[in-house]
Amino acid sequence: MADRTDVPAAVRAALLLLLVGVAWGAVAVPPAHGTQVIAAPIESLAERADAVVRGTVVLVEPKVVDGRVSTVVRVVVAEQLAGDAPGVVTLIARGGAGEDLTTWVAGADRYAVGDEVIVFLVRRSDGYFESMSLSWSLFLLVDPEWAVRDVDGLTLLRRSDSGGHELHVPERSAVSVEELRARVAAGRRARAQGGGAR
């Protein structure tokens, strides 16, 4: 059995530095939990959105473009909370599963036929809509009066008290539909006072 003196000092020093580096990395570097989005409050999302709608998902279909899979989602609008959108909104969600290809995007907004949703939308240059901030701008109705965000795969970036930024892993929480309506209305009032610019 070899003792410590059989291992050259340089090798022992390199191993020690490696162990210290690994330990420091585990403590000092925040964990990456997926896609980072700015932790915008509901009012800010509403202020910048082209439309905020409540509706039912009636189509979820993969679409391959340039070697990546996206998902075409069709929502029949039951209520316009803000902005102007047609009675049936077609939006593109990042990621999806095609016949031979799957693209997974951490924190992407995910839909299923039959989902009741409230989604904050921006209009794309190709005429489709998309959610403003991936799943951060999508609420799933768990019953007619309560909604939740699916925050799996998201890490939020928010201002710290020191003026810098910090990462935060959000927890899934419920918000009432009435509170959502009120906060959307407050965001739209702010938009109107600011001249309507995004």
Protein backbone atom coordinates (compact mmCIF):
# COMPACT_ATOMS: atom_id res chain seq x y z
CA MET A 1 0.00 0.00 0.00
CA ALA A 2 1.42 3.36 -1.01
CA ASP A 3 1.51 6.22 1.43
CA ARG A 4 1.19 9.96 0.75
CA THR A 5 4.86 10.40 0.12
CA ASP A 6 4.63 8.23 -3.01
CA VAL A 7 2.41 10.85 -4.72
CA PRO A 8 4.39 13.82 -6.08
CA ALA A 9 3.70 17.13 -4.35
CA ALA A 10 2.61 18.78 -7.61
CA VAL A 11 -0.05 16.11 -8.17
CA ARG A 12 -1.31 16.46 -4.58
CA ALA A 13 -1.49 20.25 -5.02
CA ALA A 14 -3.37 19.93 -8.33
CA LEU A 15 -5.87 17.49 -6.79
CA LEU A 16 -6.39 19.81 -3.81
CA LEU A 17 -7.02 22.78 -6.13
CA LEU A 18 -9.44 20.71 -8.17
CA LEU A 19 -11.39 19.68 -5.05
CA VAL A 20 -11.48 23.25 -3.76
CA GLY A 21 -12.67 24.47 -7.18
CA VAL A 22 -15.46 21.91 -7.33
CA ALA A 23 -16.55 22.73 -3.78
CA TRP A 24 -16.47 26.48 -4.51
CA GLY A 25 -18.47 26.00 -7.69
CA ALA A 26 -21.12 24.05 -5.84
CA VAL A 27 -21.49 26.87 -3.31
CA ALA A 28 -20.80 30.06 -5.27
CA VAL A 29 -22.48 29.46 -8.63
CA PRO A 30 -26.26 29.60 -8.64
CA PRO A 31 -27.81 26.48 -10.12
CA ALA A 32 -29.07 26.70 -13.70
CA HIS A 33 -32.69 25.65 -13.69
CA GLY A 34 -33.54 26.37 -17.29
CA THR A 35 -34.39 29.39 -19.34
CA GLN A 36 -33.96 32.76 -17.67
CA VAL A 37 -36.69 35.37 -18.03
CA ILE A 38 -37.12 38.76 -16.41
CA ALA A 39 -39.45 38.55 -13.41
CA ALA A 40 -41.93 41.04 -14.83
CA PRO A 41 -45.05 41.58 -12.73
CA ILE A 42 -48.45 40.99 -14.32
CA GLU A 43 -49.00 44.76 -14.71
CA SER A 44 -45.78 45.10 -16.72
CA LEU A 45 -46.67 42.14 -18.94
CA ALA A 46 -50.10 43.68 -19.58
CA GLU A 47 -48.59 47.08 -20.34
CA ARG A 48 -46.32 45.60 -23.04
CA ALA A 49 -48.67 42.95 -24.47
CA ASP A 50 -50.45 43.37 -27.79
CA ALA A 51 -53.32 41.33 -26.33
CA VAL A 52 -54.27 39.40 -23.21
CA VAL A 53 -56.89 36.73 -23.79
CA ARG A 54 -58.76 34.05 -21.90
CA GLY A 55 -59.81 31.06 -23.95
CA THR A 56 -59.81 27.35 -24.70
CA VAL A 57 -57.05 25.54 -26.57
CA VAL A 58 -58.57 23.67 -29.54
CA LEU A 59 -55.46 22.74 -31.55
CA VAL A 60 -51.90 21.78 -30.65
CA GLU A 61 -49.86 20.76 -33.70
CA PRO A 62 -46.08 20.46 -34.22
CA LYS A 63 -44.47 22.38 -37.07
CA VAL A 64 -40.88 21.88 -38.27
CA VAL A 65 -39.14 25.00 -39.58
CA ASP A 66 -35.40 25.23 -40.26
CA GLY A 67 -34.71 21.97 -38.45
CA ARG A 68 -36.48 23.04 -35.26
CA VAL A 69 -39.86 22.01 -33.97
CA SER A 70 -42.34 24.63 -32.85
CA THR A 71 -45.95 24.09 -31.85
CA VAL A 72 -48.90 25.77 -33.54
CA VAL A 73 -51.58 26.46 -30.94
CA ARG A 74 -55.10 27.65 -31.63
CA VAL A 75 -57.11 29.29 -28.84
CA VAL A 76 -60.81 30.15 -29.10
CA VAL A 77 -61.09 33.45 -27.25
CA ALA A 78 -63.82 33.66 -24.61
CA GLU A 79 -62.69 36.99 -23.14
CA GLN A 80 -60.39 39.80 -24.23
CA LEU A 81 -58.75 41.15 -21.09
CA ALA A 82 -56.70 43.67 -23.06
CA GLY A 83 -55.69 44.66 -26.57
CA ASP A 84 -57.06 43.47 -29.85
CA ALA A 85 -57.01 39.84 -30.95
CA PRO A 86 -59.28 37.88 -33.26
CA GLY A 87 -61.90 35.47 -31.93
CA VAL A 88 -59.52 32.60 -32.67
CA VAL A 89 -55.87 33.25 -31.89
CA THR A 90 -53.15 31.21 -33.57
CA LEU A 91 -49.86 31.33 -31.74
CA ILE A 92 -46.48 29.67 -32.06
CA ALA A 93 -44.94 28.09 -28.97
CA ARG A 94 -41.26 27.18 -28.88
CA GLY A 95 -40.43 23.49 -28.90
CA GLY A 96 -42.56 20.47 -29.56
CA ALA A 97 -42.53 16.92 -30.85
CA GLY A 98 -42.68 16.18 -34.58
CA GLU A 99 -42.63 12.76 -36.26
CA ASP A 100 -38.84 12.41 -36.36
CA LEU A 101 -37.66 15.36 -34.31
CA THR A 102 -38.29 16.80 -30.87
CA THR A 103 -37.19 20.22 -29.69
CA TRP A 104 -37.44 20.85 -25.96
CA VAL A 105 -37.14 24.41 -24.64
CA ALA A 106 -36.86 24.80 -20.88
CA GLY A 107 -39.58 27.08 -19.58
CA ALA A 108 -41.50 27.16 -22.85
CA ASP A 109 -45.23 27.66 -22.73
CA ARG A 110 -46.92 24.28 -23.17
CA TYR A 111 -50.51 23.68 -24.18
CA ALA A 112 -52.91 20.75 -24.43
CA VAL A 113 -56.23 20.59 -26.24
CA GLY A 114 -58.96 21.49 -23.77
CA ASP A 115 -56.75 23.72 -21.59
CA GLU A 116 -58.45 26.88 -20.35
CA VAL A 117 -55.78 29.60 -20.42
CA ILE A 118 -55.05 33.26 -19.93
CA VAL A 119 -52.08 34.25 -22.07
CA PHE A 120 -50.21 37.53 -22.62
CA LEU A 121 -49.50 37.79 -26.35
CA VAL A 122 -47.26 39.69 -28.73
CA ARG A 123 -47.81 39.75 -32.47
CA ARG A 124 -44.99 38.31 -34.56
CA SER A 125 -43.90 39.72 -37.91
CA ASP A 126 -45.37 36.66 -39.69
CA GLY A 127 -48.88 37.43 -38.37
CA TYR A 128 -48.92 34.78 -35.67
CA PHE A 129 -48.88 35.53 -31.96
CA GLU A 130 -46.57 34.18 -29.27
CA SER A 131 -46.54 34.38 -25.49
CA MET A 132 -44.51 37.31 -24.21
CA SER A 133 -42.19 35.53 -21.79
CA LEU A 134 -42.53 31.82 -22.42
CA SER A 135 -44.50 30.15 -19.62
CA TRP A 136 -44.12 33.21 -17.35
CA SER A 137 -46.88 34.84 -19.43
CA LEU A 138 -49.21 31.82 -19.50
CA PHE A 139 -51.77 31.00 -16.80
CA LEU A 140 -53.65 27.70 -16.76
CA LEU A 141 -57.11 27.83 -15.23
CA VAL A 142 -57.45 25.13 -12.60
CA ASP A 143 -61.11 26.05 -12.17
CA PRO A 144 -63.21 28.98 -13.44
CA GLU A 145 -61.89 31.36 -10.77
CA TRP A 146 -58.26 30.31 -10.20
CA ALA A 147 -55.19 30.12 -12.42
CA VAL A 148 -51.57 28.97 -12.02
CA ARG A 149 -48.34 29.47 -13.94
CA ASP A 150 -46.41 26.43 -15.09
CA VAL A 151 -42.94 27.54 -14.01
CA ASP A 152 -41.06 24.28 -14.62
CA GLY A 153 -37.78 25.03 -16.36
CA LEU A 154 -37.80 28.77 -15.60
CA THR A 155 -35.30 30.81 -13.64
CA LEU A 156 -36.29 34.42 -13.01
CA LEU A 157 -33.88 37.30 -13.25
CA ARG A 158 -34.78 40.18 -10.94
CA ARG A 159 -33.13 43.27 -9.51
CA SER A 160 -31.48 42.80 -6.16
CA ASP A 161 -31.53 45.40 -3.37
CA SER A 162 -27.91 46.23 -4.21
CA GLY A 163 -28.87 47.28 -7.75
CA GLY A 164 -27.50 44.18 -9.45
CA HIS A 165 -29.43 41.14 -10.54
CA GLU A 166 -30.13 37.84 -8.87
CA LEU A 167 -31.54 34.55 -10.01
CA HIS A 168 -34.68 33.16 -8.44
CA VAL A 169 -36.36 29.81 -9.02
CA PRO A 170 -40.11 30.50 -8.91
CA GLU A 171 -42.62 28.33 -7.13
CA ARG A 172 -45.95 27.42 -8.62
CA SER A 173 -48.68 29.52 -7.04
CA ALA A 174 -52.33 30.28 -7.72
CA VAL A 175 -53.85 33.67 -8.49
CA SER A 176 -57.54 34.46 -8.76
CA VAL A 177 -58.93 35.35 -12.17
CA GLU A 178 -60.41 38.53 -10.63
CA GLU A 179 -56.95 39.59 -9.43
CA LEU A 180 -55.52 38.87 -12.88
CA ARG A 181 -58.22 41.03 -14.49
CA ALA A 182 -57.55 43.89 -12.07
CA ARG A 183 -53.79 43.74 -12.56
CA VAL A 184 -54.14 43.57 -16.35
CA ALA A 185 -56.40 46.64 -16.22
CA ALA A 186 -53.80 48.48 -14.11
CA GLY A 187 -51.10 47.64 -16.64
CA ARG A 188 -53.24 48.89 -19.51
CA ARG A 189 -53.92 52.17 -17.65
CA ALA A 190 -50.14 52.58 -17.28
CA ARG A 191 -49.74 51.91 -21.01
CA ALA A 192 -52.34 54.57 -21.85
CA GLN A 193 -50.65 57.13 -19.57
CA GLY A 194 -47.30 56.36 -21.19
CA GLY A 195 -48.60 56.99 -24.69
CA GLY A 196 -49.20 53.35 -25.59
CA ALA A 197 -45.56 52.58 -26.40
CA ARG A 198 -44.15 49.18 -25.60
